[in-house]
């Protein structure tokens, strides 16, 4: 596989991506850590931990989520977007604008 990430259609409609195993493993590891952080935050709330300490943990968790988004976005640009543009599919540019707008809301 030459791309870090490939996108393709299944049955003509469903869009899928294929990440190399090392990228998937990295993303799953990051998401598992985030899941643990969320459980920890829930426990902090249950134990009436000082609000500022909870906010600090929320900020760290948001940063971790942003890191996952950056990895996915980079793969999307270098894989799906690049490939679809090479195939002459400029509709991907409209999709990309919407995706960037979603990321900028954070």
PDB file of N, CA and C in Angstrom:
ATOM      1  N   UNK A   1       0.847  -1.169   0.000  1.00  0.00           N
ATOM      2  CA  UNK A   1       0.000   0.000   0.000  1.00  0.00           C
ATOM      3  C   UNK A   1       0.896   1.236   0.000  1.00  0.00           C
ATOM      4  N   UNK A   2       0.672   2.129  -0.921  1.00  0.00           N
ATOM      5  CA  UNK A   2       1.505   3.322  -1.018  1.00  0.00           C
ATOM      6  C   UNK A   2       1.000   4.464  -0.165  1.00  0.00           C
ATOM      7  N   UNK A   3      -0.298   4.543   0.033  1.00  0.00           N
ATOM      8  CA  UNK A   3      -0.859   5.620   0.838  1.00  0.00           C
ATOM      9  C   UNK A   3      -0.904   5.220   2.303  1.00  0.00           C
ATOM     10  N   UNK A   4      -0.858   6.210   3.169  1.00  0.00           N
ATOM     11  CA  UNK A   4      -0.986   5.953   4.589  1.00  0.00           C
ATOM     12  C   UNK A   4      -2.409   5.510   4.911  1.00  0.00           C
ATOM     13  N   UNK A   5      -3.314   5.736   3.987  1.00  0.00           N
ATOM     14  CA  UNK A   5      -4.726   5.543   4.286  1.00  0.00           C
ATOM     15  C   UNK A   5      -5.465   5.556   2.953  1.00  0.00           C
ATOM     16  N   UNK A   6      -6.315   4.578   2.757  1.00  0.00           N
ATOM     17  CA  UNK A   6      -7.075   4.510   1.515  1.00  0.00           C
ATOM     18  C   UNK A   6      -8.562   4.634   1.805  1.00  0.00           C
ATOM     19  N   UNK A   7      -9.278   5.260   0.895  1.00  0.00           N
ATOM     20  CA  UNK A   7     -10.736   5.339   0.998  1.00  0.00           C
ATOM     21  C   UNK A   7     -11.325   4.710  -0.248  1.00  0.00           C
ATOM     22  N   UNK A   8     -12.441   4.045  -0.073  1.00  0.00           N
ATOM     23  CA  UNK A   8     -13.078   3.426  -1.218  1.00  0.00           C
ATOM     24  C   UNK A   8     -14.553   3.251  -0.949  1.00  0.00           C
ATOM     25  N   UNK A   9     -15.303   3.023  -2.011  1.00  0.00           N
ATOM     26  CA  UNK A   9     -16.739   2.790  -1.895  1.00  0.00           C
ATOM     27  C   UNK A   9     -17.004   1.294  -1.876  1.00  0.00           C
ATOM     28  N   UNK A  10     -17.953   0.915  -1.042  1.00  0.00           N
ATOM     29  CA  UNK A  10     -18.423  -0.459  -0.990  1.00  0.00           C
ATOM     30  C   UNK A  10     -19.871  -0.420  -1.452  1.00  0.00           C
ATOM     31  N   UNK A  11     -20.233  -1.282  -2.365  1.00  0.00           N
ATOM     32  CA  UNK A  11     -21.598  -1.324  -2.913  1.00  0.00           C
ATOM     33  C   UNK A  11     -21.996   0.005  -3.538  1.00  0.00           C
ATOM     34  N   UNK A  12     -21.045   0.793  -3.976  1.00  0.00           N
ATOM     35  CA  UNK A  12     -21.337   2.030  -4.671  1.00  0.00           C
ATOM     36  C   UNK A  12     -21.702   3.207  -3.793  1.00  0.00           C
ATOM     37  N   UNK A  13     -22.115   2.997  -2.548  1.00  0.00           N
ATOM     38  CA  UNK A  13     -22.588   4.102  -1.723  1.00  0.00           C
ATOM     39  C   UNK A  13     -21.795   4.285  -0.427  1.00  0.00           C
ATOM     40  N   UNK A  14     -21.539   3.212   0.255  1.00  0.00           N
ATOM     41  CA  UNK A  14     -20.925   3.284   1.577  1.00  0.00           C
ATOM     42  C   UNK A  14     -19.440   3.635   1.463  1.00  0.00           C
ATOM     43  N   UNK A  15     -19.066   4.712   2.145  1.00  0.00           N
ATOM     44  CA  UNK A  15     -17.670   5.121   2.122  1.00  0.00           C
ATOM     45  C   UNK A  15     -16.945   4.445   3.274  1.00  0.00           C
ATOM     46  N   UNK A  16     -15.768   3.957   2.995  1.00  0.00           N
ATOM     47  CA  UNK A  16     -14.944   3.294   4.003  1.00  0.00           C
ATOM     48  C   UNK A  16     -13.523   3.797   3.851  1.00  0.00           C
ATOM     49  N   UNK A  17     -12.782   3.663   4.922  1.00  0.00           N
ATOM     50  CA  UNK A  17     -11.356   3.943   4.830  1.00  0.00           C
ATOM     51  C   UNK A  17     -10.609   2.735   5.349  1.00  0.00           C
ATOM     52  N   UNK A  18      -9.403   2.604   4.925  1.00  0.00           N
ATOM     53  CA  UNK A  18      -8.553   1.518   5.396  1.00  0.00           C
ATOM     54  C   UNK A  18      -7.269   2.133   5.909  1.00  0.00           C
ATOM     55  N   UNK A  19      -7.050   1.991   7.200  1.00  0.00           N
ATOM     56  CA  UNK A  19      -5.832   2.511   7.806  1.00  0.00           C
ATOM     57  C   UNK A  19      -4.852   1.355   7.965  1.00  0.00           C
ATOM     58  N   UNK A  20      -3.582   1.615   7.754  1.00  0.00           N
ATOM     59  CA  UNK A  20      -2.593   0.561   8.032  1.00  0.00           C
ATOM     60  C   UNK A  20      -2.705   0.121   9.487  1.00  0.00           C
ATOM     61  N   UNK A  21      -2.322  -1.108   9.760  1.00  0.00           N
ATOM     62  CA  UNK A  21      -2.465  -1.657  11.106  1.00  0.00           C
ATOM     63  C   UNK A  21      -1.789  -0.801  12.171  1.00  0.00           C
ATOM     64  N   UNK A  22      -0.610  -0.246  11.866  1.00  0.00           N
ATOM     65  CA  UNK A  22       0.088   0.549  12.884  1.00  0.00           C
ATOM     66  C   UNK A  22      -0.672   1.840  13.206  1.00  0.00           C
ATOM     67  N   UNK A  23      -1.374   2.401  12.227  1.00  0.00           N
ATOM     68  CA  UNK A  23      -2.166   3.613  12.460  1.00  0.00           C
ATOM     69  C   UNK A  23      -3.398   3.258  13.290  1.00  0.00           C
ATOM     70  N   UNK A  24      -4.062   2.154  12.931  1.00  0.00           N
ATOM     71  CA  UNK A  24      -5.220   1.707  13.705  1.00  0.00           C
ATOM     72  C   UNK A  24      -4.833   1.463  15.157  1.00  0.00           C
ATOM     73  N   UNK A  25      -3.723   0.779  15.353  1.00  0.00           N
ATOM     74  CA  UNK A  25      -3.269   0.465  16.709  1.00  0.00           C
ATOM     75  C   UNK A  25      -3.019   1.753  17.493  1.00  0.00           C
ATOM     76  N   UNK A  26      -2.375   2.718  16.855  1.00  0.00           N
ATOM     77  CA  UNK A  26      -2.109   4.006  17.485  1.00  0.00           C
ATOM     78  C   UNK A  26      -3.412   4.703  17.869  1.00  0.00           C
ATOM     79  N   UNK A  27      -4.372   4.734  16.957  1.00  0.00           N
ATOM     80  CA  UNK A  27      -5.655   5.396  17.221  1.00  0.00           C
ATOM     81  C   UNK A  27      -6.418   4.699  18.345  1.00  0.00           C
ATOM     82  N   UNK A  28      -6.439   3.372  18.316  1.00  0.00           N
ATOM     83  CA  UNK A  28      -7.142   2.610  19.358  1.00  0.00           C
ATOM     84  C   UNK A  28      -6.478   2.834  20.711  1.00  0.00           C
ATOM     85  N   UNK A  29      -5.154   2.863  20.752  1.00  0.00           N
ATOM     86  CA  UNK A  29      -4.439   3.122  22.002  1.00  0.00           C
ATOM     87  C   UNK A  29      -4.807   4.492  22.555  1.00  0.00           C
ATOM     88  N   UNK A  30      -4.815   5.489  21.688  1.00  0.00           N
ATOM     89  CA  UNK A  30      -5.179   6.844  22.111  1.00  0.00           C
ATOM     90  C   UNK A  30      -6.615   6.907  22.621  1.00  0.00           C
ATOM     91  N   UNK A  31      -7.522   6.246  21.893  1.00  0.00           N
ATOM     92  CA  UNK A  31      -8.937   6.267  22.288  1.00  0.00           C
ATOM     93  C   UNK A  31      -9.173   5.503  23.590  1.00  0.00           C
ATOM     94  N   UNK A  32      -8.434   4.422  23.799  1.00  0.00           N
ATOM     95  CA  UNK A  32      -8.540   3.702  25.071  1.00  0.00           C
ATOM     96  C   UNK A  32      -8.093   4.581  26.233  1.00  0.00           C
ATOM     97  N   UNK A  33      -7.033   5.349  26.014  1.00  0.00           N
ATOM     98  CA  UNK A  33      -6.564   6.268  27.051  1.00  0.00           C
ATOM     99  C   UNK A  33      -7.632   7.332  27.337  1.00  0.00           C
ATOM    100  N   UNK A  34      -8.225   7.857  26.281  1.00  0.00           N
ATOM    101  CA  UNK A  34      -9.279   8.864  26.437  1.00  0.00           C
ATOM    102  C   UNK A  34     -10.472   8.267  27.189  1.00  0.00           C
ATOM    103  N   UNK A  35     -10.819   7.051  26.856  1.00  0.00           N
ATOM    104  CA  UNK A  35     -11.912   6.374  27.545  1.00  0.00           C
ATOM    105  C   UNK A  35     -11.610   6.276  29.047  1.00  0.00           C
ATOM    106  N   UNK A  36     -10.377   5.950  29.381  1.00  0.00           N
ATOM    107  CA  UNK A  36      -9.971   5.898  30.783  1.00  0.00           C
ATOM    108  C   UNK A  36     -10.039   7.268  31.442  1.00  0.00           C
ATOM    109  N   UNK A  37      -9.640   8.302  30.696  1.00  0.00           N
ATOM    110  CA  UNK A  37      -9.727   9.659  31.235  1.00  0.00           C
ATOM    111  C   UNK A  37     -11.176  10.038  31.535  1.00  0.00           C
ATOM    112  N   UNK A  38     -12.082   9.672  30.655  1.00  0.00           N
ATOM    113  CA  UNK A  38     -13.503   9.976  30.856  1.00  0.00           C
ATOM    114  C   UNK A  38     -14.021   9.252  32.104  1.00  0.00           C
ATOM    115  N   UNK A  39     -13.665   7.989  32.244  1.00  0.00           N
ATOM    116  CA  UNK A  39     -14.076   7.250  33.453  1.00  0.00           C
ATOM    117  C   UNK A  39     -13.515   7.929  34.699  1.00  0.00           C
ATOM    118  N   UNK A  40     -12.271   8.395  34.619  1.00  0.00           N
ATOM    119  CA  UNK A  40     -11.672   9.092  35.745  1.00  0.00           C
ATOM    120  C   UNK A  40     -12.401  10.383  36.085  1.00  0.00           C
ATOM    121  N   UNK A  41     -12.795  11.119  35.054  1.00  0.00           N
ATOM    122  CA  UNK A  41     -13.537  12.372  35.270  1.00  0.00           C
ATOM    123  C   UNK A  41     -14.885  12.076  35.926  1.00  0.00           C
ATOM    124  N   UNK A  42     -15.562  11.023  35.463  1.00  0.00           N
ATOM    125  CA  UNK A  42     -16.833  10.644  36.082  1.00  0.00           C
ATOM    126  C   UNK A  42     -16.630  10.321  37.555  1.00  0.00           C
ATOM    127  N   UNK A  43     -15.548   9.623  37.858  1.00  0.00           N
ATOM    128  CA  UNK A  43     -15.242   9.303  39.249  1.00  0.00           C
ATOM    129  C   UNK A  43     -14.947  10.548  40.071  1.00  0.00           C
ATOM    130  N   UNK A  44     -14.266  11.506  39.467  1.00  0.00           N
ATOM    131  CA  UNK A  44     -13.966  12.765  40.160  1.00  0.00           C
ATOM    132  C   UNK A  44     -15.259  13.503  40.511  1.00  0.00           C
ATOM    133  N   UNK A  45     -16.187  13.511  39.569  1.00  0.00           N
ATOM    134  CA  UNK A  45     -17.466  14.177  39.819  1.00  0.00           C
ATOM    135  C   UNK A  45     -18.214  13.455  40.932  1.00  0.00           C
ATOM    136  N   UNK A  46     -18.214  12.124  40.883  1.00  0.00           N
ATOM    137  CA  UNK A  46     -18.892  11.334  41.899  1.00  0.00           C
ATOM    138  C   UNK A  46     -18.292  11.583  43.288  1.00  0.00           C
ATOM    139  N   UNK A  47     -16.988  11.845  43.342  1.00  0.00           N
ATOM    140  CA  UNK A  47     -16.297  12.070  44.620  1.00  0.00           C
ATOM    141  C   UNK A  47     -16.249  13.546  45.014  1.00  0.00           C
ATOM    142  N   UNK A  48     -16.961  14.376  44.274  1.00  0.00           N
ATOM    143  CA  UNK A  48     -17.018  15.817  44.572  1.00  0.00           C
ATOM    144  C   UNK A  48     -15.634  16.465  44.582  1.00  0.00           C
ATOM    145  N   UNK A  49     -14.789  16.072  43.639  1.00  0.00           N
ATOM    146  CA  UNK A  49     -13.458  16.675  43.504  1.00  0.00           C
ATOM    147  C   UNK A  49     -13.623  18.140  43.099  1.00  0.00           C
ATOM    148  N   UNK A  50     -12.701  18.947  43.526  1.00  0.00           N
ATOM    149  CA  UNK A  50     -12.703  20.387  43.248  1.00  0.00           C
ATOM    150  C   UNK A  50     -12.875  20.642  41.750  1.00  0.00           C
ATOM    151  N   UNK A  51     -13.775  21.535  41.406  1.00  0.00           N
ATOM    152  CA  UNK A  51     -14.160  21.800  40.010  1.00  0.00           C
ATOM    153  C   UNK A  51     -12.960  22.107  39.115  1.00  0.00           C
ATOM    154  N   UNK A  52     -12.034  22.921  39.590  1.00  0.00           N
ATOM    155  CA  UNK A  52     -10.895  23.297  38.769  1.00  0.00           C
ATOM    156  C   UNK A  52     -10.051  22.080  38.386  1.00  0.00           C
ATOM    157  N   UNK A  53      -9.941  21.120  39.298  1.00  0.00           N
ATOM    158  CA  UNK A  53      -9.203  19.893  38.991  1.00  0.00           C
ATOM    159  C   UNK A  53      -9.907  19.078  37.914  1.00  0.00           C
ATOM    160  N   UNK A  54     -11.231  19.062  37.964  1.00  0.00           N
ATOM    161  CA  UNK A  54     -12.004  18.346  36.939  1.00  0.00           C
ATOM    162  C   UNK A  54     -11.852  19.047  35.592  1.00  0.00           C
ATOM    163  N   UNK A  55     -11.914  20.363  35.616  1.00  0.00           N
ATOM    164  CA  UNK A  55     -11.761  21.132  34.373  1.00  0.00           C
ATOM    165  C   UNK A  55     -10.391  20.880  33.754  1.00  0.00           C
ATOM    166  N   UNK A  56      -9.365  20.772  34.580  1.00  0.00           N
ATOM    167  CA  UNK A  56      -8.018  20.469  34.086  1.00  0.00           C
ATOM    168  C   UNK A  56      -8.006  19.117  33.373  1.00  0.00           C
ATOM    169  N   UNK A  57      -8.666  18.128  33.951  1.00  0.00           N
ATOM    170  CA  UNK A  57      -8.740  16.809  33.324  1.00  0.00           C
ATOM    171  C   UNK A  57      -9.570  16.837  32.040  1.00  0.00           C
ATOM    172  N   UNK A  58     -10.637  17.619  32.043  1.00  0.00           N
ATOM    173  CA  UNK A  58     -11.438  17.774  30.816  1.00  0.00           C
ATOM    174  C   UNK A  58     -10.603  18.391  29.699  1.00  0.00           C
ATOM    175  N   UNK A  59      -9.800  19.380  30.051  1.00  0.00           N
ATOM    176  CA  UNK A  59      -8.942  20.030  29.064  1.00  0.00           C
ATOM    177  C   UNK A  59      -7.925  19.041  28.483  1.00  0.00           C
ATOM    178  N   UNK A  60      -7.343  18.223  29.343  1.00  0.00           N
ATOM    179  CA  UNK A  60      -6.379  17.219  28.878  1.00  0.00           C
ATOM    180  C   UNK A  60      -7.053  16.205  27.959  1.00  0.00           C
ATOM    181  N   UNK A  61      -8.285  15.832  28.305  1.00  0.00           N
ATOM    182  CA  UNK A  61      -9.028  14.875  27.489  1.00  0.00           C
ATOM    183  C   UNK A  61      -9.386  15.475  26.132  1.00  0.00           C
ATOM    184  N   UNK A  62      -9.784  16.746  26.119  1.00  0.00           N
ATOM    185  CA  UNK A  62     -10.089  17.415  24.852  1.00  0.00           C
ATOM    186  C   UNK A  62      -8.850  17.494  23.972  1.00  0.00           C
ATOM    187  N   UNK A  63      -7.711  17.769  24.587  1.00  0.00           N
ATOM    188  CA  UNK A  63      -6.455  17.819  23.843  1.00  0.00           C
ATOM    189  C   UNK A  63      -6.139  16.456  23.216  1.00  0.00           C
ATOM    190  N   UNK A  64      -6.388  15.395  23.979  1.00  0.00           N
ATOM    191  CA  UNK A  64      -6.157  14.044  23.459  1.00  0.00           C
ATOM    192  C   UNK A  64      -7.100  13.743  22.297  1.00  0.00           C
ATOM    193  N   UNK A  65      -8.357  14.161  22.403  1.00  0.00           N
ATOM    194  CA  UNK A  65      -9.304  13.984  21.291  1.00  0.00           C
ATOM    195  C   UNK A  65      -8.857  14.764  20.063  1.00  0.00           C
ATOM    196  N   UNK A  66      -8.367  15.978  20.276  1.00  0.00           N
ATOM    197  CA  UNK A  66      -7.871  16.781  19.155  1.00  0.00           C
ATOM    198  C   UNK A  66      -6.692  16.096  18.469  1.00  0.00           C
ATOM    199  N   UNK A  67      -5.854  15.433  19.242  1.00  0.00           N
ATOM    200  CA  UNK A  67      -4.715  14.714  18.655  1.00  0.00           C
ATOM    201  C   UNK A  67      -5.189  13.570  17.770  1.00  0.00           C
ATOM    202  N   UNK A  68      -6.218  12.858  18.202  1.00  0.00           N
ATOM    203  CA  UNK A  68      -6.787  11.788  17.374  1.00  0.00           C
ATOM    204  C   UNK A  68      -7.343  12.377  16.084  1.00  0.00           C
ATOM    205  N   UNK A  69      -8.050  13.494  16.205  1.00  0.00           N
ATOM    206  CA  UNK A  69      -8.623  14.147  15.023  1.00  0.00           C
ATOM    207  C   UNK A  69      -7.524  14.561  14.045  1.00  0.00           C
ATOM    208  N   UNK A  70      -6.407  15.054  14.562  1.00  0.00           N
ATOM    209  CA  UNK A  70      -5.303  15.471  13.689  1.00  0.00           C
ATOM    210  C   UNK A  70      -4.722  14.292  12.919  1.00  0.00           C
ATOM    211  N   UNK A  71      -4.565  13.154  13.592  1.00  0.00           N
ATOM    212  CA  UNK A  71      -4.046  11.960  12.918  1.00  0.00           C
ATOM    213  C   UNK A  71      -5.000  11.522  11.818  1.00  0.00           C
ATOM    214  N   UNK A  72      -6.300  11.488  12.130  1.00  0.00           N
ATOM    215  CA  UNK A  72      -7.293  11.088  11.133  1.00  0.00           C
ATOM    216  C   UNK A  72      -7.358  12.077   9.974  1.00  0.00           C
ATOM    217  N   UNK A  73      -7.296  13.362  10.299  1.00  0.00           N
ATOM    218  CA  UNK A  73      -7.371  14.394   9.263  1.00  0.00           C
ATOM    219  C   UNK A  73      -6.169  14.315   8.319  1.00  0.00           C
ATOM    220  N   UNK A  74      -4.991  14.107   8.875  1.00  0.00           N
ATOM    221  CA  UNK A  74      -3.793  13.986   8.035  1.00  0.00           C
ATOM    222  C   UNK A  74      -3.921  12.796   7.089  1.00  0.00           C
ATOM    223  N   UNK A  75      -4.385  11.663   7.623  1.00  0.00           N
ATOM    224  CA  UNK A  75      -4.583  10.488   6.778  1.00  0.00           C
ATOM    225  C   UNK A  75      -5.635  10.736   5.715  1.00  0.00           C
ATOM    226  N   UNK A  76      -6.668  11.465   6.077  1.00  0.00           N
ATOM    227  CA  UNK A  76      -7.733  11.780   5.120  1.00  0.00           C
ATOM    228  C   UNK A  76      -7.187  12.639   3.978  1.00  0.00           C
ATOM    229  N   UNK A  77      -6.408  13.642   4.324  1.00  0.00           N
ATOM    230  CA  UNK A  77      -5.822  14.508   3.290  1.00  0.00           C
ATOM    231  C   UNK A  77      -4.875  13.740   2.373  1.00  0.00           C
ATOM    232  N   UNK A  78      -3.983  12.967   2.979  1.00  0.00           N
ATOM    233  CA  UNK A  78      -2.955  12.266   2.203  1.00  0.00           C
ATOM    234  C   UNK A  78      -3.492  11.046   1.474  1.00  0.00           C
ATOM    235  N   UNK A  79      -4.659  10.569   1.886  1.00  0.00           N
ATOM    236  CA  UNK A  79      -5.247   9.396   1.262  1.00  0.00           C
ATOM    237  C   UNK A  79      -6.459   9.752   0.439  1.00  0.00           C
ATOM    238  N   UNK A  80      -7.596   9.847   1.112  1.00  0.00           N
ATOM    239  CA  UNK A  80      -8.889  10.054   0.434  1.00  0.00           C
ATOM    240  C   UNK A  80      -8.901  11.292  -0.452  1.00  0.00           C
ATOM    241  N   UNK A  81      -8.536  12.432   0.125  1.00  0.00           N
ATOM    242  CA  UNK A  81      -8.627  13.693  -0.621  1.00  0.00           C
ATOM    243  C   UNK A  81      -7.688  13.659  -1.823  1.00  0.00           C
ATOM    244  N   UNK A  82      -6.460  13.269  -1.600  1.00  0.00           N
ATOM    245  CA  UNK A  82      -5.473  13.204  -2.682  1.00  0.00           C
ATOM    246  C   UNK A  82      -5.946  12.271  -3.797  1.00  0.00           C
ATOM    247  N   UNK A  83      -6.416  11.079  -3.423  1.00  0.00           N
ATOM    248  CA  UNK A  83      -6.853  10.095  -4.410  1.00  0.00           C
ATOM    249  C   UNK A  83      -8.080  10.564  -5.193  1.00  0.00           C
ATOM    250  N   UNK A  84      -9.040  11.144  -4.481  1.00  0.00           N
ATOM    251  CA  UNK A  84     -10.257  11.588  -5.169  1.00  0.00           C
ATOM    252  C   UNK A  84      -9.974  12.764  -6.094  1.00  0.00           C
ATOM    253  N   UNK A  85      -9.083  13.657  -5.690  1.00  0.00           N
ATOM    254  CA  UNK A  85      -8.705  14.757  -6.589  1.00  0.00           C
ATOM    255  C   UNK A  85      -7.984  14.212  -7.823  1.00  0.00           C
ATOM    256  N   UNK A  86      -7.111  13.232  -7.604  1.00  0.00           N
ATOM    257  CA  UNK A  86      -6.394  12.627  -8.731  1.00  0.00           C
ATOM    258  C   UNK A  86      -7.369  11.952  -9.704  1.00  0.00           C
ATOM    259  N   UNK A  87      -8.497  11.466  -9.178  1.00  0.00           N
ATOM    260  CA  UNK A  87      -9.520  10.851 -10.025  1.00  0.00           C
ATOM    261  C   UNK A  87     -10.463  11.882 -10.633  1.00  0.00           C
ATOM    262  N   UNK A  88     -10.208  13.178 -10.362  1.00  0.00           N
ATOM    263  CA  UNK A  88     -11.026  14.240 -10.929  1.00  0.00           C
ATOM    264  C   UNK A  88     -12.284  14.539 -10.135  1.00  0.00           C
ATOM    265  N   UNK A  89     -12.405  13.984  -8.943  1.00  0.00           N
ATOM    266  CA  UNK A  89     -13.590  14.177  -8.110  1.00  0.00           C
ATOM    267  C   UNK A  89     -13.391  15.402  -7.224  1.00  0.00           C
ATOM    268  N   UNK A  90     -13.862  16.546  -7.700  1.00  0.00           N
ATOM    269  CA  UNK A  90     -13.675  17.787  -6.949  1.00  0.00           C
ATOM    270  C   UNK A  90     -14.742  18.004  -5.880  1.00  0.00           C
ATOM    271  N   UNK A  91     -15.739  17.127  -5.800  1.00  0.00           N
ATOM    272  CA  UNK A  91     -16.743  17.201  -4.746  1.00  0.00           C
ATOM    273  C   UNK A  91     -16.076  17.056  -3.379  1.00  0.00           C
ATOM    274  N   UNK A  92     -14.956  16.362  -3.351  1.00  0.00           N
ATOM    275  CA  UNK A  92     -14.213  16.176  -2.103  1.00  0.00           C
ATOM    276  C   UNK A  92     -13.818  17.517  -1.493  1.00  0.00           C
ATOM    277  N   UNK A  93     -13.651  18.538  -2.313  1.00  0.00           N
ATOM    278  CA  UNK A  93     -13.270  19.856  -1.781  1.00  0.00           C
ATOM    279  C   UNK A  93     -14.383  20.451  -0.927  1.00  0.00           C
ATOM    280  N   UNK A  94     -15.634  20.277  -1.345  1.00  0.00           N
ATOM    281  CA  UNK A  94     -16.762  20.751  -0.543  1.00  0.00           C
ATOM    282  C   UNK A  94     -16.811  20.001   0.787  1.00  0.00           C
ATOM    283  N   UNK A  95     -16.606  18.704   0.721  1.00  0.00           N
ATOM    284  CA  UNK A  95     -16.579  17.886   1.938  1.00  0.00           C
ATOM    285  C   UNK A  95     -15.445  18.331   2.858  1.00  0.00           C
ATOM    286  N   UNK A  96     -14.315  18.631   2.276  1.00  0.00           N
ATOM    287  CA  UNK A  96     -13.146  19.059   3.045  1.00  0.00           C
ATOM    288  C   UNK A  96     -13.407  20.382   3.758  1.00  0.00           C
ATOM    289  N   UNK A  97     -14.071  21.307   3.098  1.00  0.00           N
ATOM    290  CA  UNK A  97     -14.415  22.594   3.721  1.00  0.00           C
ATOM    291  C   UNK A  97     -15.293  22.357   4.947  1.00  0.00           C
ATOM    292  N   UNK A  98     -16.284  21.484   4.833  1.00  0.00           N
ATOM    293  CA  UNK A  98     -17.171  21.180   5.961  1.00  0.00           C
ATOM    294  C   UNK A  98     -16.374  20.543   7.101  1.00  0.00           C
ATOM    295  N   UNK A  99     -15.475  19.643   6.754  1.00  0.00           N
ATOM    296  CA  UNK A  99     -14.649  18.984   7.768  1.00  0.00           C
ATOM    297  C   UNK A  99     -13.773  19.995   8.505  1.00  0.00           C
ATOM    298  N   UNK A 100     -13.167  20.893   7.782  1.00  0.00           N
ATOM    299  CA  UNK A 100     -12.326  21.921   8.408  1.00  0.00           C
ATOM    300  C   UNK A 100     -13.157  22.820   9.313  1.00  0.00           C
ATOM    301  N   UNK A 101     -14.366  23.147   8.869  1.00  0.00           N
ATOM    302  CA  UNK A 101     -15.254  23.973   9.707  1.00  0.00           C
ATOM    303  C   UNK A 101     -15.589  23.241  11.009  1.00  0.00           C
ATOM    304  N   UNK A 102     -15.816  21.940  10.943  1.00  0.00           N
ATOM    305  CA  UNK A 102     -16.102  21.158  12.140  1.00  0.00           C
ATOM    306  C   UNK A 102     -14.899  21.191  13.085  1.00  0.00           C
ATOM    307  N   UNK A 103     -13.716  21.048  12.536  1.00  0.00           N
ATOM    308  CA  UNK A 103     -12.500  21.055  13.369  1.00  0.00           C
ATOM    309  C   UNK A 103     -12.251  22.418  13.991  1.00  0.00           C
ATOM    310  N   UNK A 104     -12.625  23.484  13.296  1.00  0.00           N
ATOM    311  CA  UNK A 104     -12.371  24.827  13.785  1.00  0.00           C
ATOM    312  C   UNK A 104     -13.351  25.233  14.889  1.00  0.00           C
ATOM    313  N   UNK A 105     -14.440  24.515  15.059  1.00  0.00           N
ATOM    314  CA  UNK A 105     -15.402  24.811  16.125  1.00  0.00           C
ATOM    315  C   UNK A 105     -14.818  24.520  17.497  1.00  0.00           C
ATOM    316  N   UNK A 106     -13.783  23.719  17.534  1.00  0.00           N
ATOM    317  CA  UNK A 106     -13.239  23.284  18.826  1.00  0.00           C
ATOM    318  C   UNK A 106     -12.449  24.360  19.493  1.00  0.00           C
TER     319      UNK A 106
END
